[in-house]
């Protein structure tokens, strides 16, 4: 039996787990709120300290959803094991894309980065990625939502930085239970807070390799921008016509399943 979660009022700053937070408290369009201690999000757990792991183990988690691909896991390592917690890996990007991405981030020289990321190309890459995940990963998102409706709560969702793949999966979950879009965006943008942002590591840690221009070129890849989320919503509207059709036809959520999901995640 899953233990009762002990969620502190003040959320901690974990030593080696970036971007952790409880999405509890967010308002729904019909006046309810997400229940605290039910849905968490973060960056990867691979480098969690003993104290970090002890805190996470005390949350009473049923399932950790890891949306990293094989390249991400090879780079950072597997998640630390949390006793009694089910770990589910659902890669939300192609591993080849992951290898290319991390090679660019870690090893790309200034000229290469200017070519690949300059003149708005980095932001365009991100909006295209968000649209692609929404339109091609409906089966994966459906699997997550059905699992949450059945038995997988409390749950933690994460990817590498806890911003894009986890951010979209959290956003889709919140849409399914009727959370206001402004509240979803506000939570999403918290990933920009300096202590939450992914620590960019470069093969060349010199003043050249970590120059302000290099970091500026890479910044759109590791920032949360409202435009990215807007692109995801636009993809929903263009593909399914409405959020309701996306939930029912795209994600195959029957009314009874959505009601179970709301019962598990919302107050009242």
Protein backbone atom coordinates (compact mmCIF):
# COMPACT_ATOMS: atom_id res chain seq x y z
CA UNK A 1 0.00 0.00 0.00
CA UNK A 2 1.31 3.46 -0.89
CA UNK A 3 2.19 5.43 2.22
CA UNK A 4 0.47 8.68 2.99
CA UNK A 5 2.58 11.48 1.50
CA UNK A 6 4.10 13.97 3.88
CA UNK A 7 4.31 17.15 1.83
CA UNK A 8 5.86 20.16 3.57
CA UNK A 9 4.30 23.56 3.17
CA UNK A 10 7.56 25.07 1.94
CA UNK A 11 8.95 23.08 -0.96
CA UNK A 12 12.65 22.29 -0.64
CA UNK A 13 15.48 23.20 -2.94
CA UNK A 14 16.87 19.75 -3.60
CA UNK A 15 20.64 19.59 -3.94
CA UNK A 16 20.94 17.61 -7.19
CA UNK A 17 17.39 17.39 -8.56
CA UNK A 18 16.56 20.49 -10.57
CA UNK A 19 13.18 22.07 -11.14
CA UNK A 20 11.23 20.05 -8.55
CA UNK A 21 7.77 21.21 -7.59
CA UNK A 22 4.29 20.11 -6.57
CA UNK A 23 1.66 21.37 -9.02
CA UNK A 24 -0.96 21.30 -6.27
CA UNK A 25 -3.09 24.39 -5.80
CA UNK A 26 -3.64 25.25 -9.46
CA UNK A 27 -7.25 26.34 -10.14
CA UNK A 28 -9.67 24.64 -12.52
CA UNK A 29 -12.21 26.42 -14.71
CA UNK A 30 -15.04 25.09 -12.52
CA UNK A 31 -13.64 26.39 -9.24
CA UNK A 32 -11.77 23.35 -7.91
CA UNK A 33 -8.01 23.05 -7.32
CA UNK A 34 -5.34 20.44 -7.92
CA UNK A 35 -4.76 18.56 -4.69
CA UNK A 36 -1.32 18.94 -3.14
CA UNK A 37 0.85 15.85 -2.92
CA UNK A 38 -0.67 14.18 -5.98
CA UNK A 39 1.34 15.35 -8.99
CA UNK A 40 4.96 16.47 -8.95
CA UNK A 41 7.41 17.46 -11.69
CA UNK A 42 11.19 17.79 -11.87
CA UNK A 43 14.35 17.29 -13.84
CA UNK A 44 16.04 13.89 -13.87
CA UNK A 45 16.78 12.00 -10.65
CA UNK A 46 20.08 10.48 -11.77
CA UNK A 47 22.29 12.66 -9.53
CA UNK A 48 20.01 12.80 -6.48
CA UNK A 49 21.91 12.87 -3.19
CA UNK A 50 20.98 10.59 -0.30
CA UNK A 51 19.06 13.48 1.24
CA UNK A 52 17.28 14.19 -2.05
CA UNK A 53 16.33 10.54 -2.40
CA UNK A 54 15.10 10.40 1.20
CA UNK A 55 12.85 13.41 0.61
CA UNK A 56 11.47 11.95 -2.63
CA UNK A 57 10.91 8.58 -0.94
CA UNK A 58 8.86 10.36 1.72
CA UNK A 59 6.38 11.74 -0.81
CA UNK A 60 4.49 8.44 -1.01
CA UNK A 61 4.99 8.21 -4.77
CA UNK A 62 3.35 5.38 -6.65
CA UNK A 63 5.00 6.02 -10.03
CA UNK A 64 7.86 8.02 -11.52
CA UNK A 65 7.34 8.75 -15.21
CA UNK A 66 10.71 9.30 -16.92
CA UNK A 67 10.29 10.84 -20.39
CA UNK A 68 13.99 10.77 -21.27
CA UNK A 69 15.29 8.81 -24.24
CA UNK A 70 18.26 6.43 -24.39
CA UNK A 71 20.69 9.24 -25.24
CA UNK A 72 19.58 11.29 -22.23
CA UNK A 73 19.94 8.32 -19.89
CA UNK A 74 23.37 7.43 -21.31
CA UNK A 75 24.48 11.02 -20.72
CA UNK A 76 23.23 11.51 -17.16
CA UNK A 77 22.59 7.97 -15.93
CA UNK A 78 19.46 6.15 -14.74
CA UNK A 79 17.27 7.55 -11.99
CA UNK A 80 18.13 6.67 -8.43
CA UNK A 81 15.98 3.86 -7.10
CA UNK A 82 13.23 4.89 -4.69
CA UNK A 83 11.94 2.04 -2.53
CA UNK A 84 8.45 0.84 -3.40
CA UNK A 85 8.12 3.24 -6.34
CA UNK A 86 7.36 2.05 -9.87
CA UNK A 87 9.57 3.58 -12.57
CA UNK A 88 8.06 3.92 -16.05
CA UNK A 89 10.25 5.10 -18.94
CA UNK A 90 8.30 6.58 -21.87
CA UNK A 91 10.74 8.29 -24.26
CA UNK A 92 9.06 11.29 -25.83
CA UNK A 93 11.72 12.04 -28.44
CA UNK A 94 13.69 9.91 -30.85
CA UNK A 95 17.03 8.71 -29.40
CA UNK A 96 18.88 9.83 -32.54
CA UNK A 97 17.51 13.34 -32.05
CA UNK A 98 18.72 13.17 -28.48
CA UNK A 99 22.27 12.21 -29.48
CA UNK A 100 22.43 15.00 -32.06
CA UNK A 101 21.03 17.49 -29.56
CA UNK A 102 23.49 16.71 -26.78
CA UNK A 103 26.46 16.64 -29.17
CA UNK A 104 25.49 20.13 -30.30
CA UNK A 105 25.05 21.38 -26.73
CA UNK A 106 28.21 19.80 -25.34
CA UNK A 107 30.61 20.04 -28.27
CA UNK A 108 29.25 22.60 -30.75
CA UNK A 109 31.73 25.33 -31.62
CA UNK A 110 30.64 28.94 -31.89
CA UNK A 111 30.39 29.01 -35.69
CA UNK A 112 28.38 25.79 -35.73
CA UNK A 113 26.05 27.09 -33.02
CA UNK A 114 25.54 30.33 -34.92
CA UNK A 115 24.53 28.33 -37.99
CA UNK A 116 22.25 25.91 -36.15
CA UNK A 117 20.71 28.20 -33.53
CA UNK A 118 21.19 31.82 -34.55
CA UNK A 119 18.59 34.18 -36.06
CA UNK A 120 15.69 32.62 -34.19
CA UNK A 121 16.48 29.04 -35.25
CA UNK A 122 16.78 27.81 -31.66
CA UNK A 123 13.30 29.05 -30.73
CA UNK A 124 11.89 27.71 -34.00
CA UNK A 125 13.40 24.33 -33.21
CA UNK A 126 11.68 24.34 -29.82
CA UNK A 127 8.23 25.32 -31.12
CA UNK A 128 8.52 22.61 -33.79
CA UNK A 129 9.44 20.08 -31.11
CA UNK A 130 6.44 21.00 -28.98
CA UNK A 131 4.10 20.66 -31.96
CA UNK A 132 5.68 17.36 -32.93
CA UNK A 133 5.32 15.87 -29.46
CA UNK A 134 1.67 16.89 -29.27
CA UNK A 135 0.74 15.50 -32.69
CA UNK A 136 2.82 12.30 -32.68
CA UNK A 137 2.83 11.18 -29.04
CA UNK A 138 -0.87 10.96 -28.32
CA UNK A 139 -0.58 7.24 -27.58
CA UNK A 140 2.11 7.93 -24.98
CA UNK A 141 0.18 10.77 -23.37
CA UNK A 142 -2.94 8.60 -23.37
CA UNK A 143 -1.02 5.85 -21.61
CA UNK A 144 0.12 8.26 -18.91
CA UNK A 145 -3.36 9.68 -18.30
CA UNK A 146 -5.00 6.27 -18.16
CA UNK A 147 -2.34 5.13 -15.69
CA UNK A 148 -2.98 8.17 -13.50
CA UNK A 149 -6.71 7.49 -13.59
CA UNK A 150 -6.20 3.87 -12.55
CA UNK A 151 -3.52 3.60 -9.87
CA UNK A 152 -0.41 5.70 -10.50
CA UNK A 153 -1.04 8.63 -8.16
CA UNK A 154 0.88 10.19 -6.44
CA UNK A 155 3.13 10.58 -9.47
CA UNK A 156 6.31 12.43 -10.42
CA UNK A 157 6.89 13.34 -14.07
CA UNK A 158 10.34 14.27 -15.29
CA UNK A 159 12.60 14.42 -18.33
CA UNK A 160 16.16 15.80 -18.41
CA UNK A 161 15.52 19.42 -17.44
CA UNK A 162 11.90 18.94 -16.37
CA UNK A 163 10.81 21.67 -18.76
CA UNK A 164 9.76 20.42 -22.20
CA UNK A 165 8.71 16.77 -22.29
CA UNK A 166 7.68 16.75 -18.64
CA UNK A 167 6.25 20.24 -19.05
CA UNK A 168 4.04 19.15 -21.93
CA UNK A 169 2.97 15.96 -20.14
CA UNK A 170 2.04 17.96 -17.05
CA UNK A 171 0.20 20.50 -19.23
CA UNK A 172 -1.77 17.76 -21.00
CA UNK A 173 -2.67 16.22 -17.64
CA UNK A 174 -3.82 19.58 -16.29
CA UNK A 175 -5.88 20.25 -19.43
CA UNK A 176 -7.58 16.89 -18.93
CA UNK A 177 -8.75 17.80 -15.43
CA UNK A 178 -9.82 21.31 -16.44
CA UNK A 179 -7.07 23.53 -15.05
CA UNK A 180 -7.14 27.09 -16.38
CA UNK A 181 -4.68 27.70 -19.20
CA UNK A 182 -3.26 30.80 -17.51
CA UNK A 183 -2.45 28.68 -14.45
CA UNK A 184 -0.83 25.99 -16.60
CA UNK A 185 1.36 28.64 -18.24
CA UNK A 186 2.27 30.22 -14.91
CA UNK A 187 3.44 26.87 -13.56
CA UNK A 188 5.30 26.09 -16.80
CA UNK A 189 7.21 29.40 -16.69
CA UNK A 190 8.51 28.66 -13.19
CA UNK A 191 11.14 26.53 -14.94
CA UNK A 192 12.90 29.81 -15.81
CA UNK A 193 13.76 30.60 -12.21
CA UNK A 194 17.58 30.53 -11.93
CA UNK A 195 17.73 27.80 -9.28
CA UNK A 196 15.50 25.55 -11.40
CA UNK A 197 17.23 25.83 -14.76
CA UNK A 198 19.18 22.94 -16.21
CA UNK A 199 22.95 23.22 -15.67
CA UNK A 200 24.49 23.44 -19.13
CA UNK A 201 27.68 21.40 -19.33
CA UNK A 202 30.15 21.94 -22.13
CA UNK A 203 33.17 19.91 -23.22
CA UNK A 204 35.07 23.20 -23.45
CA UNK A 205 34.65 24.98 -20.13
CA UNK A 206 37.04 27.76 -21.10
CA UNK A 207 36.05 31.40 -21.50
CA UNK A 208 35.57 30.70 -25.20
CA UNK A 209 33.53 27.55 -24.78
CA UNK A 210 31.30 29.16 -22.14
CA UNK A 211 31.28 32.65 -23.67
CA UNK A 212 28.22 34.88 -23.31
CA UNK A 213 27.42 34.40 -27.02
CA UNK A 214 27.56 30.61 -26.76
CA UNK A 215 25.28 30.63 -23.73
CA UNK A 216 22.92 33.10 -25.42
CA UNK A 217 22.66 30.83 -28.49
CA UNK A 218 21.91 27.83 -26.28
CA UNK A 219 19.53 29.70 -23.97
CA UNK A 220 16.29 29.19 -25.98
CA UNK A 221 16.84 25.42 -25.75
CA UNK A 222 16.88 25.53 -21.95
CA UNK A 223 14.34 28.27 -21.25
CA UNK A 224 10.59 28.00 -20.84
CA UNK A 225 8.80 30.38 -23.21
CA UNK A 226 5.09 30.98 -23.46
CA UNK A 227 5.39 30.79 -27.25
CA UNK A 228 6.40 27.14 -27.00
CA UNK A 229 3.27 26.28 -25.04
CA UNK A 230 1.18 28.38 -27.41
CA UNK A 231 2.55 26.32 -30.31
CA UNK A 232 1.43 23.14 -28.56
CA UNK A 233 -2.08 24.53 -28.06
CA UNK A 234 -2.17 25.63 -31.71
CA UNK A 235 -1.23 22.10 -32.78
CA UNK A 236 -4.15 20.77 -30.73
CA UNK A 237 -6.60 23.20 -32.32
CA UNK A 238 -5.31 22.61 -35.87
CA UNK A 239 -5.25 18.81 -35.57
CA UNK A 240 -8.37 18.06 -33.52
CA UNK A 241 -10.38 21.28 -33.70
CA UNK A 242 -10.70 21.75 -29.93
CA UNK A 243 -9.23 20.68 -26.62
CA UNK A 244 -12.28 18.52 -25.93
CA UNK A 245 -11.85 16.64 -29.21
CA UNK A 246 -8.15 16.22 -28.48
CA UNK A 247 -8.94 14.66 -25.12
CA UNK A 248 -11.72 12.40 -26.36
CA UNK A 249 -10.54 11.52 -29.88
CA UNK A 250 -6.79 12.04 -29.68
CA UNK A 251 -6.12 10.73 -26.18
CA UNK A 252 -9.10 8.33 -26.11
CA UNK A 253 -10.26 9.55 -22.71
CA UNK A 254 -13.77 8.34 -21.99
CA UNK A 255 -15.91 10.54 -19.71
CA UNK A 256 -15.62 7.98 -16.90
CA UNK A 257 -11.83 7.97 -17.18
CA UNK A 258 -11.66 11.75 -17.02
CA UNK A 259 -13.89 11.72 -13.96
CA UNK A 260 -11.60 9.20 -12.23
CA UNK A 261 -8.64 11.37 -13.13
CA UNK A 262 -10.34 14.41 -11.64
CA UNK A 263 -11.20 12.47 -8.49
CA UNK A 264 -7.57 11.42 -8.06
CA UNK A 265 -5.99 14.80 -8.76
CA UNK A 266 -8.44 17.45 -7.60
CA UNK A 267 -9.68 18.65 -4.24
CA UNK A 268 -13.32 18.32 -3.31
